[in-house]
Amino acid sequence: MKILVVSNYKEPEKARQALQNIALCTGEQPEIVEYTIARLKDVVLQKDPDIVILTGSNFMLSKPDTRMVFRPEMDLVREMDLPFLGICFGHQLIGAAYGSQVVDLGHNIREFKEVKLLGKDPLFDGLPGSIRVSESHRQGLTRVPEGFRHLAESATSQVEAICHQKHPIYGVQFHPERSDEKHPHGRMILQNFLKLAAKF
């Protein structure tokens, strides 16, 4: 499966780490493009991926100037008929693309946290009703965007996971790629996403 990762990180090392983690979790070798690349939609079309993963970032989408910088990526999600998975900042970006606001929580959340699933979805096949995944953020969505389903919540983030009702577009506030032997749920989520995307 051809995975294209759109890196939203300022720091090249964080982008490399995200790519490595995604490769370890999926068993695939993803290709990466930077959020700064010109004509992002044309580049994605040319690369013809099976799925697109939008990474985390230290940028703050609550700031209007940041939203302007990432407008091409938001347009990409709305306009391209591909399976998308937004991780952390990428999740917020998907929410913002469909009309939800992003707000600052006033503090950083950086640890493995319990996340409660709110019903069945192929993304969570084989997982218990409460999962433990890596969180690393200080902003979050205020609500589930129109046209999306609410899939998960936690004590620190009401909107932990969403999916579009008609298209294979998913967002997760947590970092599924940052999994390990003690915390395998994130890896299973990424593998489930590949399975459901293969049916698209």
N, C-alpha and C. Protein backbone atom coordinates (compact mmCIF):
# COMPACT_ATOMS: atom_id res chain seq x y z
N MET A 1 0.85 -1.20 0.00
CA MET A 1 0.00 0.00 0.00
C MET A 1 0.88 1.24 0.00
N LYS A 2 0.55 2.20 -0.85
CA LYS A 2 1.35 3.41 -0.98
C LYS A 2 0.85 4.49 0.01
N ILE A 3 1.68 4.77 1.00
CA ILE A 3 1.32 5.75 2.04
C ILE A 3 2.09 7.04 1.79
N LEU A 4 1.37 8.14 1.74
CA LEU A 4 1.99 9.46 1.63
C LEU A 4 1.78 10.19 2.95
N VAL A 5 2.86 10.64 3.55
CA VAL A 5 2.80 11.39 4.81
C VAL A 5 3.04 12.87 4.51
N VAL A 6 2.10 13.70 4.89
CA VAL A 6 2.30 15.15 4.81
C VAL A 6 2.82 15.61 6.17
N SER A 7 4.08 16.02 6.20
CA SER A 7 4.69 16.44 7.46
C SER A 7 4.36 17.90 7.75
N ASN A 8 3.81 18.13 8.94
CA ASN A 8 3.49 19.48 9.39
C ASN A 8 4.48 19.99 10.43
N TYR A 9 5.58 19.27 10.61
CA TYR A 9 6.57 19.65 11.61
C TYR A 9 7.52 20.72 11.08
N LYS A 10 7.91 21.63 11.97
CA LYS A 10 8.95 22.61 11.65
C LYS A 10 10.32 21.94 11.64
N GLU A 11 10.48 20.95 12.52
CA GLU A 11 11.80 20.35 12.75
C GLU A 11 11.96 19.08 11.91
N PRO A 12 12.98 19.01 11.06
CA PRO A 12 13.21 17.81 10.22
C PRO A 12 13.34 16.53 11.04
N GLU A 13 13.94 16.62 12.23
CA GLU A 13 14.12 15.42 13.04
C GLU A 13 12.78 14.84 13.48
N LYS A 14 11.82 15.71 13.83
CA LYS A 14 10.50 15.22 14.23
C LYS A 14 9.78 14.58 13.05
N ALA A 15 9.97 15.14 11.86
CA ALA A 15 9.37 14.56 10.66
C ALA A 15 9.95 13.17 10.39
N ARG A 16 11.26 13.05 10.52
CA ARG A 16 11.92 11.75 10.31
C ARG A 16 11.44 10.72 11.33
N GLN A 17 11.28 11.15 12.58
CA GLN A 17 10.83 10.24 13.63
C GLN A 17 9.41 9.78 13.36
N ALA A 18 8.54 10.70 12.94
CA ALA A 18 7.16 10.33 12.62
C ALA A 18 7.12 9.31 11.48
N LEU A 19 7.93 9.54 10.45
CA LEU A 19 7.99 8.64 9.31
C LEU A 19 8.46 7.25 9.74
N GLN A 20 9.49 7.23 10.57
CA GLN A 20 10.03 5.96 11.07
C GLN A 20 8.99 5.22 11.91
N ASN A 21 8.29 5.94 12.78
CA ASN A 21 7.27 5.32 13.62
C ASN A 21 6.13 4.75 12.80
N ILE A 22 5.69 5.49 11.78
CA ILE A 22 4.61 5.02 10.91
C ILE A 22 5.05 3.77 10.16
N ALA A 23 6.29 3.76 9.70
CA ALA A 23 6.82 2.60 8.99
C ALA A 23 6.85 1.37 9.91
N LEU A 24 7.29 1.56 11.16
CA LEU A 24 7.35 0.46 12.11
C LEU A 24 5.96 -0.10 12.42
N CYS A 25 4.97 0.78 12.52
CA CYS A 25 3.61 0.37 12.87
C CYS A 25 2.89 -0.32 11.72
N THR A 26 3.18 0.12 10.49
CA THR A 26 2.42 -0.37 9.34
C THR A 26 3.14 -1.46 8.55
N GLY A 27 4.46 -1.55 8.71
CA GLY A 27 5.23 -2.48 7.90
C GLY A 27 5.42 -2.01 6.47
N GLU A 28 5.06 -0.76 6.19
CA GLU A 28 5.22 -0.16 4.87
C GLU A 28 6.31 0.91 4.93
N GLN A 29 6.78 1.34 3.76
CA GLN A 29 7.75 2.44 3.69
C GLN A 29 7.07 3.67 3.11
N PRO A 30 6.58 4.57 3.97
CA PRO A 30 5.85 5.74 3.47
C PRO A 30 6.78 6.73 2.75
N GLU A 31 6.18 7.52 1.91
CA GLU A 31 6.87 8.65 1.29
C GLU A 31 6.42 9.92 2.01
N ILE A 32 7.28 10.92 2.06
CA ILE A 32 6.95 12.14 2.81
C ILE A 32 7.02 13.36 1.92
N VAL A 33 6.10 14.30 2.14
CA VAL A 33 6.16 15.63 1.54
C VAL A 33 5.96 16.65 2.67
N GLU A 34 6.56 17.81 2.51
CA GLU A 34 6.45 18.85 3.52
C GLU A 34 5.21 19.71 3.27
N TYR A 35 4.64 20.23 4.35
CA TYR A 35 3.46 21.09 4.24
C TYR A 35 3.75 22.35 3.43
N THR A 36 5.03 22.72 3.35
CA THR A 36 5.44 23.96 2.66
C THR A 36 5.54 23.79 1.14
N ILE A 37 5.42 22.58 0.64
CA ILE A 37 5.64 22.35 -0.79
C ILE A 37 4.61 23.12 -1.62
N ALA A 38 5.05 23.66 -2.74
CA ALA A 38 4.15 24.42 -3.61
C ALA A 38 3.20 23.46 -4.33
N ARG A 39 1.98 23.92 -4.58
CA ARG A 39 0.98 23.16 -5.33
C ARG A 39 0.79 21.76 -4.72
N LEU A 40 0.46 21.76 -3.44
CA LEU A 40 0.36 20.52 -2.68
C LEU A 40 -0.60 19.53 -3.34
N LYS A 41 -1.75 19.98 -3.75
CA LYS A 41 -2.74 19.07 -4.35
C LYS A 41 -2.19 18.42 -5.62
N ASP A 42 -1.52 19.18 -6.46
CA ASP A 42 -0.95 18.63 -7.69
C ASP A 42 0.13 17.59 -7.37
N VAL A 43 0.92 17.87 -6.34
CA VAL A 43 1.98 16.92 -5.94
C VAL A 43 1.36 15.61 -5.47
N VAL A 44 0.31 15.71 -4.66
CA VAL A 44 -0.36 14.50 -4.17
C VAL A 44 -0.98 13.71 -5.33
N LEU A 45 -1.60 14.41 -6.26
CA LEU A 45 -2.17 13.75 -7.43
C LEU A 45 -1.10 13.00 -8.21
N GLN A 46 0.04 13.63 -8.38
CA GLN A 46 1.14 13.03 -9.13
C GLN A 46 1.67 11.77 -8.44
N LYS A 47 1.74 11.80 -7.12
CA LYS A 47 2.27 10.66 -6.37
C LYS A 47 1.27 9.52 -6.27
N ASP A 48 -0.02 9.81 -6.45
CA ASP A 48 -1.07 8.80 -6.52
C ASP A 48 -1.03 7.81 -5.34
N PRO A 49 -1.14 8.31 -4.10
CA PRO A 49 -1.07 7.41 -2.95
C PRO A 49 -2.39 6.67 -2.73
N ASP A 50 -2.30 5.58 -1.95
CA ASP A 50 -3.51 4.87 -1.53
C ASP A 50 -4.13 5.55 -0.31
N ILE A 51 -3.27 6.09 0.58
CA ILE A 51 -3.74 6.82 1.74
C ILE A 51 -2.81 8.00 2.02
N VAL A 52 -3.35 8.99 2.71
CA VAL A 52 -2.57 10.16 3.11
C VAL A 52 -2.69 10.32 4.63
N ILE A 53 -1.54 10.46 5.29
CA ILE A 53 -1.50 10.69 6.73
C ILE A 53 -0.96 12.09 6.99
N LEU A 54 -1.69 12.87 7.78
CA LEU A 54 -1.30 14.23 8.15
C LEU A 54 -0.71 14.19 9.56
N THR A 55 0.52 14.65 9.72
CA THR A 55 1.21 14.50 11.01
C THR A 55 0.81 15.56 12.03
N GLY A 56 1.38 15.37 13.21
CA GLY A 56 1.28 16.38 14.25
C GLY A 56 2.14 17.59 13.93
N SER A 57 2.19 18.55 14.87
CA SER A 57 2.96 19.77 14.67
C SER A 57 2.95 20.58 15.96
N ASN A 58 3.92 21.48 16.07
CA ASN A 58 3.92 22.45 17.18
C ASN A 58 3.18 23.74 16.82
N PHE A 59 2.74 23.85 15.59
CA PHE A 59 1.97 25.03 15.19
C PHE A 59 0.63 25.06 15.94
N MET A 60 0.07 26.25 16.08
CA MET A 60 -1.19 26.45 16.79
C MET A 60 -2.28 26.89 15.82
N LEU A 61 -3.20 25.99 15.52
CA LEU A 61 -4.25 26.30 14.55
C LEU A 61 -5.27 27.31 15.08
N SER A 62 -5.20 27.62 16.38
CA SER A 62 -6.10 28.64 16.92
C SER A 62 -5.70 30.03 16.43
N LYS A 63 -4.50 30.16 15.87
CA LYS A 63 -4.02 31.44 15.37
C LYS A 63 -4.40 31.61 13.90
N PRO A 64 -5.05 32.73 13.54
CA PRO A 64 -5.50 32.93 12.15
C PRO A 64 -4.37 32.85 11.13
N ASP A 65 -3.18 33.36 11.46
CA ASP A 65 -2.09 33.31 10.49
C ASP A 65 -1.65 31.87 10.23
N THR A 66 -1.72 31.01 11.25
CA THR A 66 -1.38 29.59 11.06
C THR A 66 -2.40 28.93 10.15
N ARG A 67 -3.66 29.25 10.35
CA ARG A 67 -4.71 28.69 9.49
C ARG A 67 -4.48 29.06 8.02
N MET A 68 -4.00 30.27 7.77
CA MET A 68 -3.72 30.69 6.40
C MET A 68 -2.58 29.86 5.80
N VAL A 69 -1.54 29.61 6.59
CA VAL A 69 -0.40 28.81 6.12
C VAL A 69 -0.86 27.42 5.70
N PHE A 70 -1.79 26.85 6.45
CA PHE A 70 -2.21 25.47 6.22
C PHE A 70 -3.49 25.36 5.39
N ARG A 71 -3.92 26.46 4.80
CA ARG A 71 -5.12 26.43 3.96
C ARG A 71 -5.01 25.42 2.81
N PRO A 72 -3.85 25.32 2.11
CA PRO A 72 -3.76 24.32 1.03
C PRO A 72 -3.98 22.88 1.52
N GLU A 73 -3.52 22.59 2.72
CA GLU A 73 -3.71 21.24 3.26
C GLU A 73 -5.17 21.01 3.64
N MET A 74 -5.81 22.03 4.18
CA MET A 74 -7.23 21.92 4.51
C MET A 74 -8.06 21.72 3.23
N ASP A 75 -7.68 22.44 2.17
CA ASP A 75 -8.37 22.26 0.89
C ASP A 75 -8.15 20.86 0.34
N LEU A 76 -6.94 20.34 0.53
CA LEU A 76 -6.61 18.99 0.07
C LEU A 76 -7.57 17.96 0.64
N VAL A 77 -7.82 18.06 1.95
CA VAL A 77 -8.70 17.09 2.62
C VAL A 77 -10.12 17.18 2.08
N ARG A 78 -10.59 18.38 1.84
CA ARG A 78 -11.96 18.57 1.37
C ARG A 78 -12.14 18.17 -0.09
N GLU A 79 -11.10 18.35 -0.90
CA GLU A 79 -11.25 18.24 -2.35
C GLU A 79 -10.80 16.91 -2.94
N MET A 80 -9.95 16.16 -2.24
CA MET A 80 -9.43 14.92 -2.82
C MET A 80 -10.16 13.71 -2.27
N ASP A 81 -10.52 12.80 -3.16
CA ASP A 81 -11.27 11.61 -2.78
C ASP A 81 -10.30 10.48 -2.44
N LEU A 82 -9.65 10.63 -1.28
CA LEU A 82 -8.67 9.67 -0.80
C LEU A 82 -8.92 9.37 0.68
N PRO A 83 -8.48 8.21 1.16
CA PRO A 83 -8.51 7.98 2.60
C PRO A 83 -7.47 8.87 3.31
N PHE A 84 -7.93 9.64 4.29
CA PHE A 84 -7.06 10.52 5.07
C PHE A 84 -7.10 10.10 6.54
N LEU A 85 -5.93 10.18 7.18
CA LEU A 85 -5.86 10.04 8.63
C LEU A 85 -5.08 11.23 9.17
N GLY A 86 -5.74 12.03 9.99
CA GLY A 86 -5.09 13.17 10.64
C GLY A 86 -4.69 12.80 12.05
N ILE A 87 -3.43 13.04 12.39
CA ILE A 87 -2.89 12.73 13.71
C ILE A 87 -2.61 14.02 14.47
N CYS A 88 -3.22 14.19 15.64
CA CYS A 88 -2.99 15.35 16.51
C CYS A 88 -3.27 16.66 15.77
N PHE A 89 -2.24 17.40 15.38
CA PHE A 89 -2.44 18.62 14.60
C PHE A 89 -3.20 18.30 13.31
N GLY A 90 -2.89 17.16 12.68
CA GLY A 90 -3.60 16.77 11.47
C GLY A 90 -5.08 16.54 11.72
N HIS A 91 -5.42 16.00 12.88
CA HIS A 91 -6.81 15.82 13.32
C HIS A 91 -7.50 17.18 13.48
N GLN A 92 -6.81 18.11 14.12
CA GLN A 92 -7.34 19.46 14.29
C GLN A 92 -7.52 20.15 12.95
N LEU A 93 -6.59 19.90 12.04
CA LEU A 93 -6.65 20.50 10.72
C LEU A 93 -7.88 20.00 9.94
N ILE A 94 -8.17 18.70 10.06
CA ILE A 94 -9.37 18.15 9.42
C ILE A 94 -10.62 18.78 10.02
N GLY A 95 -10.66 18.89 11.35
CA GLY A 95 -11.80 19.53 12.00
C GLY A 95 -11.98 20.96 11.54
N ALA A 96 -10.88 21.71 11.47
CA ALA A 96 -10.93 23.11 11.03
C ALA A 96 -11.38 23.21 9.58
N ALA A 97 -10.94 22.26 8.74
CA ALA A 97 -11.33 22.27 7.33
C ALA A 97 -12.83 22.13 7.16
N TYR A 98 -13.46 21.48 8.13
CA TYR A 98 -14.91 21.26 8.06
C TYR A 98 -15.69 22.10 9.06
N GLY A 99 -15.07 23.19 9.52
CA GLY A 99 -15.82 24.19 10.26
C GLY A 99 -15.72 24.20 11.76
N SER A 100 -14.96 23.29 12.36
CA SER A 100 -14.80 23.29 13.81
C SER A 100 -13.71 24.28 14.23
N GLN A 101 -13.83 24.81 15.43
CA GLN A 101 -12.82 25.72 15.96
C GLN A 101 -11.76 24.93 16.74
N VAL A 102 -10.55 25.47 16.74
CA VAL A 102 -9.46 24.90 17.53
C VAL A 102 -9.13 25.88 18.64
N VAL A 103 -9.07 25.39 19.88
CA VAL A 103 -8.81 26.27 21.02
C VAL A 103 -7.59 25.78 21.79
N ASP A 104 -6.96 26.72 22.50
CA ASP A 104 -5.82 26.39 23.33
C ASP A 104 -6.31 25.88 24.68
N LEU A 105 -5.71 24.79 25.16
CA LEU A 105 -6.12 24.20 26.43
C LEU A 105 -5.42 24.86 27.62
N GLY A 106 -4.40 25.66 27.35
CA GLY A 106 -3.71 26.37 28.42
C GLY A 106 -2.60 25.58 29.07
N HIS A 107 -2.43 24.33 28.66
CA HIS A 107 -1.35 23.50 29.21
C HIS A 107 -1.06 22.36 28.25
N ASN A 108 0.14 21.82 28.34
CA ASN A 108 0.54 20.71 27.49
C ASN A 108 0.12 19.38 28.11
N ILE A 109 -0.31 18.46 27.26
CA ILE A 109 -0.62 17.09 27.68
C ILE A 109 0.38 16.19 26.98
N ARG A 110 1.24 15.54 27.76
CA ARG A 110 2.27 14.68 27.17
C ARG A 110 2.44 13.42 28.02
N GLU A 111 1.63 12.41 27.72
CA GLU A 111 1.73 11.12 28.42
C GLU A 111 0.78 10.14 27.77
N PHE A 112 0.92 8.87 28.12
CA PHE A 112 -0.06 7.88 27.68
C PHE A 112 -1.32 8.07 28.51
N LYS A 113 -2.47 8.14 27.81
CA LYS A 113 -3.75 8.42 28.47
C LYS A 113 -4.80 7.41 28.06
N GLU A 114 -5.79 7.27 28.94
CA GLU A 114 -6.94 6.43 28.61
C GLU A 114 -7.90 7.21 27.71
N VAL A 115 -8.34 6.55 26.65
CA VAL A 115 -9.31 7.14 25.72
C VAL A 115 -10.50 6.18 25.62
N LYS A 116 -11.70 6.72 25.79
CA LYS A 116 -12.93 5.92 25.77
C LYS A 116 -13.52 5.92 24.36
N LEU A 117 -13.76 4.72 23.82
CA LEU A 117 -14.39 4.60 22.51
C LEU A 117 -15.91 4.74 22.66
N LEU A 118 -16.52 5.40 21.68
CA LEU A 118 -17.95 5.73 21.79
C LEU A 118 -18.82 4.90 20.84
N GLY A 119 -18.41 3.70 20.56
CA GLY A 119 -19.18 2.86 19.65
C GLY A 119 -18.24 2.10 18.73
N LYS A 120 -18.82 1.28 17.89
CA LYS A 120 -18.00 0.44 17.00
C LYS A 120 -17.63 1.20 15.73
N ASP A 121 -16.39 0.96 15.29
CA ASP A 121 -15.90 1.48 14.02
C ASP A 121 -14.74 0.60 13.58
N PRO A 122 -14.58 0.35 12.28
CA PRO A 122 -13.47 -0.48 11.81
C PRO A 122 -12.10 0.00 12.26
N LEU A 123 -11.96 1.30 12.54
CA LEU A 123 -10.67 1.83 12.99
C LEU A 123 -10.23 1.19 14.30
N PHE A 124 -11.21 0.75 15.10
CA PHE A 124 -10.91 0.21 16.43
C PHE A 124 -11.18 -1.29 16.55
N ASP A 125 -11.21 -1.99 15.42
CA ASP A 125 -11.43 -3.43 15.45
C ASP A 125 -10.39 -4.12 16.33
N GLY A 126 -10.84 -5.04 17.17
CA GLY A 126 -9.95 -5.82 18.00
C GLY A 126 -9.48 -5.12 19.26
N LEU A 127 -10.00 -3.91 19.52
CA LEU A 127 -9.57 -3.14 20.68
C LEU A 127 -10.66 -3.12 21.76
N PRO A 128 -10.25 -2.95 23.03
CA PRO A 128 -11.25 -2.85 24.11
C PRO A 128 -11.97 -1.50 24.06
N GLY A 129 -12.98 -1.34 24.89
CA GLY A 129 -13.76 -0.10 24.91
C GLY A 129 -12.99 1.10 25.42
N SER A 130 -11.89 0.84 26.13
CA SER A 130 -11.02 1.91 26.60
C SER A 130 -9.59 1.57 26.16
N ILE A 131 -8.96 2.49 25.45
CA ILE A 131 -7.61 2.24 24.95
C ILE A 131 -6.62 3.18 25.63
N ARG A 132 -5.35 2.83 25.57
CA ARG A 132 -4.30 3.66 26.16
C ARG A 132 -3.33 4.05 25.05
N VAL A 133 -3.25 5.36 24.79
CA VAL A 133 -2.48 5.86 23.66
C VAL A 133 -1.68 7.11 24.06
N SER A 134 -0.71 7.45 23.23
CA SER A 134 0.18 8.58 23.51
C SER A 134 -0.46 9.90 23.13
N GLU A 135 -0.51 10.81 24.10
CA GLU A 135 -1.03 12.17 23.86
C GLU A 135 0.14 13.16 23.91
N SER A 136 0.12 14.14 23.02
CA SER A 136 1.13 15.20 23.04
C SER A 136 0.55 16.42 22.31
N HIS A 137 -0.19 17.25 23.07
CA HIS A 137 -0.82 18.42 22.46
C HIS A 137 -1.17 19.45 23.53
N ARG A 138 -1.50 20.65 23.06
CA ARG A 138 -2.01 21.68 23.96
C ARG A 138 -3.22 22.40 23.34
N GLN A 139 -3.67 21.91 22.19
CA GLN A 139 -4.86 22.46 21.56
C GLN A 139 -5.82 21.33 21.22
N GLY A 140 -7.08 21.69 20.98
CA GLY A 140 -8.07 20.67 20.65
C GLY A 140 -9.26 21.26 19.94
N LEU A 141 -10.07 20.39 19.34
CA LEU A 141 -11.29 20.83 18.66
C LEU A 141 -12.38 21.13 19.69
N THR A 142 -13.17 22.15 19.41
CA THR A 142 -14.27 22.51 20.31
C THR A 142 -15.47 21.61 20.14
N ARG A 143 -15.62 21.02 18.95
CA ARG A 143 -16.79 20.17 18.68
C ARG A 143 -16.48 19.24 17.50
N VAL A 144 -17.32 18.26 17.34
CA VAL A 144 -17.25 17.38 16.18
C VAL A 144 -17.77 18.16 14.97
N PRO A 145 -17.00 18.25 13.89
CA PRO A 145 -17.48 19.02 12.73
C PRO A 145 -18.71 18.39 12.10
N GLU A 146 -19.50 19.21 11.43
CA GLU A 146 -20.72 18.75 10.77
C GLU A 146 -20.37 17.71 9.71
N GLY A 147 -21.16 16.63 9.67
CA GLY A 147 -20.92 15.57 8.70
C GLY A 147 -19.98 14.49 9.20
N PHE A 148 -19.53 14.60 10.46
CA PHE A 148 -18.62 13.62 11.05
C PHE A 148 -19.28 12.88 12.21
N ARG A 149 -18.76 11.71 12.53
CA ARG A 149 -19.17 10.95 13.70
C ARG A 149 -18.14 11.13 14.80
N HIS A 150 -18.62 11.13 16.04
CA HIS A 150 -17.76 11.25 17.22
C HIS A 150 -17.39 9.84 17.67
N LEU A 151 -16.10 9.48 17.61
CA LEU A 151 -15.67 8.11 17.85
C LEU A 151 -15.07 7.87 19.23
N ALA A 152 -14.48 8.93 19.84
CA ALA A 152 -13.78 8.70 21.11
C ALA A 152 -13.65 10.01 21.88
N GLU A 153 -13.49 9.86 23.21
CA GLU A 153 -13.30 11.02 24.09
C GLU A 153 -12.37 10.62 25.23
N SER A 154 -11.84 11.62 25.91
CA SER A 154 -10.99 11.35 27.08
C SER A 154 -11.24 12.43 28.12
N ALA A 155 -10.60 12.29 29.27
CA ALA A 155 -10.76 13.26 30.34
C ALA A 155 -10.17 14.61 29.96
N THR A 156 -9.22 14.63 29.03
CA THR A 156 -8.55 15.89 28.66
C THR A 156 -9.01 16.43 27.31
N SER A 157 -9.61 15.59 26.46
CA SER A 157 -10.05 16.03 25.13
C SER A 157 -11.39 15.39 24.80
N GLN A 158 -12.41 16.22 24.69
CA GLN A 158 -13.74 15.69 24.40
C GLN A 158 -13.77 15.05 23.02
N VAL A 159 -13.08 15.67 22.05
CA VAL A 159 -13.09 15.17 20.67
C VAL A 159 -11.76 14.47 20.40
N GLU A 160 -11.67 13.19 20.78
CA GLU A 160 -10.43 12.42 20.63
C GLU A 160 -10.32 11.74 19.26
N ALA A 161 -11.46 11.43 18.65
CA ALA A 161 -11.43 10.78 17.34
C ALA A 161 -12.73 11.06 16.60
N ILE A 162 -12.61 11.24 15.29
CA ILE A 162 -13.75 11.54 14.42
C ILE A 162 -13.60 10.79 13.11
N CYS A 163 -14.72 10.58 12.42
CA CYS A 163 -14.65 10.09 11.04
C CYS A 163 -15.80 10.68 10.24
N HIS A 164 -15.53 10.94 8.97
CA HIS A 164 -16.54 11.49 8.08
C HIS A 164 -17.63 10.44 7.85
N GLN A 165 -18.86 10.89 7.73
CA GLN A 165 -19.98 9.96 7.59
C GLN A 165 -20.05 9.32 6.21
N LYS A 166 -19.44 9.96 5.21
CA LYS A 166 -19.54 9.45 3.83
C LYS A 166 -18.20 9.10 3.21
N HIS A 167 -17.12 9.70 3.70
CA HIS A 167 -15.81 9.51 3.09
C HIS A 167 -14.83 8.92 4.11
N PRO A 168 -13.79 8.22 3.65
CA PRO A 168 -12.82 7.61 4.59
C PRO A 168 -11.83 8.64 5.12
N ILE A 169 -12.36 9.60 5.90
CA ILE A 169 -11.54 10.65 6.50
C ILE A 169 -11.63 10.51 8.01
N TYR A 170 -10.50 10.24 8.64
CA TYR A 170 -10.44 10.03 10.09
C TYR A 170 -9.47 11.02 10.73
N GLY A 171 -9.79 11.40 11.96
CA GLY A 171 -8.87 12.22 12.74
C GLY A 171 -8.77 11.66 14.15
N VAL A 172 -7.55 11.61 14.69
CA VAL A 172 -7.33 11.18 16.08
C VAL A 172 -6.46 12.21 16.77
N GLN A 173 -6.89 12.66 17.94
CA GLN A 173 -6.14 13.67 18.68
C GLN A 173 -4.83 13.10 19.22
N PHE A 174 -4.80 11.82 19.48
CA PHE A 174 -3.61 11.17 20.03
C PHE A 174 -2.64 10.77 18.91
N HIS A 175 -1.52 10.18 19.31
CA HIS A 175 -0.46 9.78 18.37
C HIS A 175 -0.39 8.25 18.30
N PRO A 176 -1.12 7.62 17.37
CA PRO A 176 -1.09 6.15 17.29
C PRO A 176 0.28 5.61 16.87
N GLU A 177 1.05 6.44 16.16
CA GLU A 177 2.36 5.97 15.70
C GLU A 177 3.37 5.85 16.84
N ARG A 178 3.10 6.48 17.97
CA ARG A 178 4.00 6.41 19.13
C ARG A 178 3.55 5.28 20.05
N SER A 179 3.63 4.08 19.53
CA SER A 179 3.23 2.91 20.31
C SER A 179 4.47 2.07 20.61
N ASP A 180 4.34 1.17 21.56
CA ASP A 180 5.43 0.26 21.91
C ASP A 180 4.82 -1.05 22.38
N GLU A 181 5.66 -1.98 22.82
CA GLU A 181 5.15 -3.29 23.23
C GLU A 181 4.19 -3.19 24.42
N LYS A 182 4.43 -2.24 25.29
CA LYS A 182 3.57 -2.05 26.46
C LYS A 182 2.27 -1.33 26.08
N HIS A 183 2.32 -0.54 25.02
CA HIS A 183 1.15 0.24 24.57
C HIS A 183 0.92 -0.03 23.07
N PRO A 184 0.34 -1.19 22.72
CA PRO A 184 0.21 -1.57 21.31
C PRO A 184 -1.04 -1.04 20.60
N HIS A 185 -1.93 -0.36 21.32
CA HIS A 185 -3.22 0.02 20.73
C HIS A 185 -3.05 0.95 19.53
N GLY A 186 -2.12 1.88 19.61
CA GLY A 186 -1.91 2.80 18.50
C GLY A 186 -1.49 2.09 17.23
N ARG A 187 -0.60 1.13 17.36
CA ARG A 187 -0.15 0.36 16.20
C ARG A 187 -1.32 -0.39 15.57
N MET A 188 -2.19 -0.95 16.40
CA MET A 188 -3.36 -1.66 15.88
C MET A 188 -4.30 -0.71 15.13
N ILE A 189 -4.42 0.51 15.62
CA ILE A 189 -5.28 1.50 14.95
C ILE A 189 -4.74 1.83 13.56
N LEU A 190 -3.43 2.02 13.46
CA LEU A 190 -2.84 2.30 12.14
C LEU A 190 -3.03 1.13 11.19
N GLN A 191 -2.85 -0.07 11.68
CA GLN A 191 -3.04 -1.25 10.84
C GLN A 191 -4.50 -1.39 10.41
N ASN A 192 -5.42 -1.07 11.32
CA ASN A 192 -6.85 -1.10 10.96
C ASN A 192 -7.17 -0.06 9.90
N PHE A 193 -6.53 1.11 9.99
CA PHE A 193 -6.78 2.15 9.00
C PHE A 193 -6.35 1.68 7.61
N LEU A 194 -5.22 0.99 7.53
CA LEU A 194 -4.77 0.46 6.24
C LEU A 194 -5.77 -0.55 5.69
N LYS A 195 -6.31 -1.40 6.57
CA LYS A 195 -7.29 -2.40 6.14
C LYS A 195 -8.56 -1.76 5.61
N LEU A 196 -9.07 -0.77 6.32
CA LEU A 196 -10.32 -0.15 5.87
C LEU A 196 -10.10 0.69 4.62
N ALA A 197 -8.91 1.29 4.50
CA ALA A 197 -8.60 2.09 3.31
C ALA A 197 -8.47 1.19 2.07
N ALA A 198 -8.00 -0.05 2.28
CA ALA A 198 -7.84 -0.98 1.16
C ALA A 198 -9.18 -1.36 0.55
N LYS A 199 -10.26 -1.20 1.31
CA LYS A 199 -11.61 -1.53 0.81
C LYS A 199 -12.25 -0.36 0.08
N PHE A 200 -11.59 0.79 0.15
CA PHE A 200 -12.17 2.01 -0.43
C PHE A 200 -12.10 1.98 -1.96
